[in-house]
Amino acid sequence: MSRVRAALWGVCAFAAIYLLVGAVRLPTLTYDPIARTVRLTADVGGISMRYYGQLAWACAAAICAAALRLASGRPPRPTAALTGAALSLVVLDVAWYLSRLFAPV
């Protein structure tokens, strides 16, 4: 059961950091497919993609959160509460990106 809790902590961290990196515009890896260049920047222009950088930030956060949970000696939280938190953060991510998608240009 501790692995399930660690995985849920990882999902929470992934969803939170993925949203935070996009909303706050933290410096991240961007790829420009026309110039075929990879840069570390907060400004995305043209057709540069920041998906890979956001994914790298979120995966690193998820791995760190799961590892910290496995290594910590804290008493476990109820699995239902962690599941609710993880799903809430994922829904928040979906709502954020849908609002950006349907926002008037």
Protein backbone atom coordinates (compact mmCIF):
# COMPACT_ATOMS: atom_id res chain seq x y z
CA MET A 1 0.00 0.00 0.00
CA SER A 2 2.94 2.34 0.52
CA ARG A 3 3.77 2.12 -3.17
CA VAL A 4 0.24 3.17 -4.07
CA ARG A 5 0.53 6.16 -1.77
CA ALA A 6 3.92 7.05 -3.25
CA ALA A 7 2.45 6.82 -6.74
CA LEU A 8 -0.43 9.09 -5.73
CA TRP A 9 2.06 11.62 -4.34
CA GLY A 10 3.86 11.41 -7.67
CA VAL A 11 0.64 12.07 -9.60
CA CYS A 12 -0.10 15.07 -7.39
CA ALA A 13 3.38 16.50 -7.92
CA PHE A 14 3.25 15.85 -11.67
CA ALA A 15 -0.08 17.63 -12.08
CA ALA A 16 0.89 20.57 -9.88
CA ILE A 17 4.27 21.20 -11.49
CA TYR A 18 3.00 20.67 -15.05
CA LEU A 19 0.41 23.39 -14.45
CA LEU A 20 2.79 25.67 -12.57
CA VAL A 21 5.48 25.61 -15.27
CA GLY A 22 2.94 26.58 -17.95
CA ALA A 23 1.08 29.18 -15.92
CA VAL A 24 4.10 30.95 -14.43
CA ARG A 25 6.20 30.57 -17.58
CA LEU A 26 9.23 29.14 -15.84
CA PRO A 27 12.33 28.61 -17.97
CA THR A 28 12.06 25.26 -19.69
CA LEU A 29 13.40 23.38 -22.66
CA THR A 30 11.83 24.49 -25.93
CA TYR A 31 12.20 22.89 -29.32
CA ASP A 32 11.97 24.79 -32.59
CA PRO A 33 11.22 22.23 -35.33
CA ILE A 34 12.08 24.57 -38.22
CA ALA A 35 15.47 25.66 -36.87
CA ARG A 36 15.96 22.25 -35.22
CA THR A 37 17.24 23.85 -32.05
CA VAL A 38 16.66 23.17 -28.38
CA ARG A 39 16.89 26.10 -25.97
CA LEU A 40 16.34 26.74 -22.28
CA THR A 41 14.06 29.76 -22.18
CA ALA A 42 10.86 31.15 -20.70
CA ASP A 43 9.86 32.93 -23.93
CA VAL A 44 8.26 30.76 -26.56
CA GLY A 45 7.93 32.37 -29.95
CA GLY A 46 6.91 31.22 -33.38
CA ILE A 47 6.20 27.54 -33.47
CA SER A 48 8.55 26.56 -30.66
CA MET A 49 7.20 23.85 -28.40
CA ARG A 50 7.62 23.81 -24.65
CA TYR A 51 5.85 20.48 -24.13
CA TYR A 52 9.06 18.49 -23.71
CA GLY A 53 10.40 20.89 -21.10
CA GLN A 54 7.14 20.93 -19.15
CA LEU A 55 7.04 17.16 -19.27
CA ALA A 56 10.63 16.95 -17.99
CA TRP A 57 9.87 19.30 -15.06
CA ALA A 58 6.72 17.37 -14.16
CA CYS A 59 8.36 13.94 -14.39
CA ALA A 60 11.26 15.09 -12.21
CA ALA A 61 8.82 16.43 -9.62
CA ALA A 62 6.80 13.20 -9.68
CA ILE A 63 9.89 11.05 -9.20
CA CYS A 64 11.13 13.25 -6.34
CA ALA A 65 7.74 13.26 -4.59
CA ALA A 66 7.35 9.49 -4.86
CA ALA A 67 10.92 8.90 -3.64
CA LEU A 68 10.44 11.29 -0.71
CA ARG A 69 7.21 9.56 0.25
CA LEU A 70 8.86 6.14 0.16
CA ALA A 71 11.82 7.39 2.22
CA SER A 72 9.81 9.35 4.80
CA GLY A 73 8.80 7.85 8.09
CA ARG A 74 5.57 9.83 8.35
CA PRO A 75 2.37 8.02 9.18
CA PRO A 76 0.40 7.27 6.02
CA ARG A 77 -2.51 9.42 4.96
CA PRO A 78 -5.78 7.84 3.88
CA THR A 79 -5.57 6.59 0.32
CA ALA A 80 -8.99 8.06 -0.52
CA ALA A 81 -7.80 11.58 0.37
CA LEU A 82 -4.67 11.22 -1.78
CA THR A 83 -6.72 9.85 -4.67
CA GLY A 84 -9.11 12.80 -4.42
CA ALA A 85 -6.22 15.26 -4.36
CA ALA A 86 -4.55 13.63 -7.37
CA LEU A 87 -7.74 13.60 -9.42
CA SER A 88 -8.56 17.19 -8.43
CA LEU A 89 -5.17 18.39 -9.61
CA VAL A 90 -5.51 16.51 -12.90
CA VAL A 91 -8.96 18.08 -13.45
CA LEU A 92 -7.47 21.50 -12.66
CA ASP A 93 -4.80 20.92 -15.32
CA VAL A 94 -7.41 19.93 -17.91
CA ALA A 95 -9.57 22.96 -17.07
CA TRP A 96 -6.57 25.31 -17.31
CA TYR A 97 -5.49 24.06 -20.73
CA LEU A 98 -9.05 23.97 -22.09
CA SER A 99 -9.53 27.57 -20.97
CA ARG A 100 -6.33 28.51 -22.80
CA LEU A 101 -7.44 26.59 -25.87
CA PHE A 102 -10.86 28.21 -26.07
CA ALA A 103 -9.77 31.70 -24.99
CA PRO A 104 -10.28 34.39 -27.62
CA VAL A 105 -7.08 35.25 -29.41
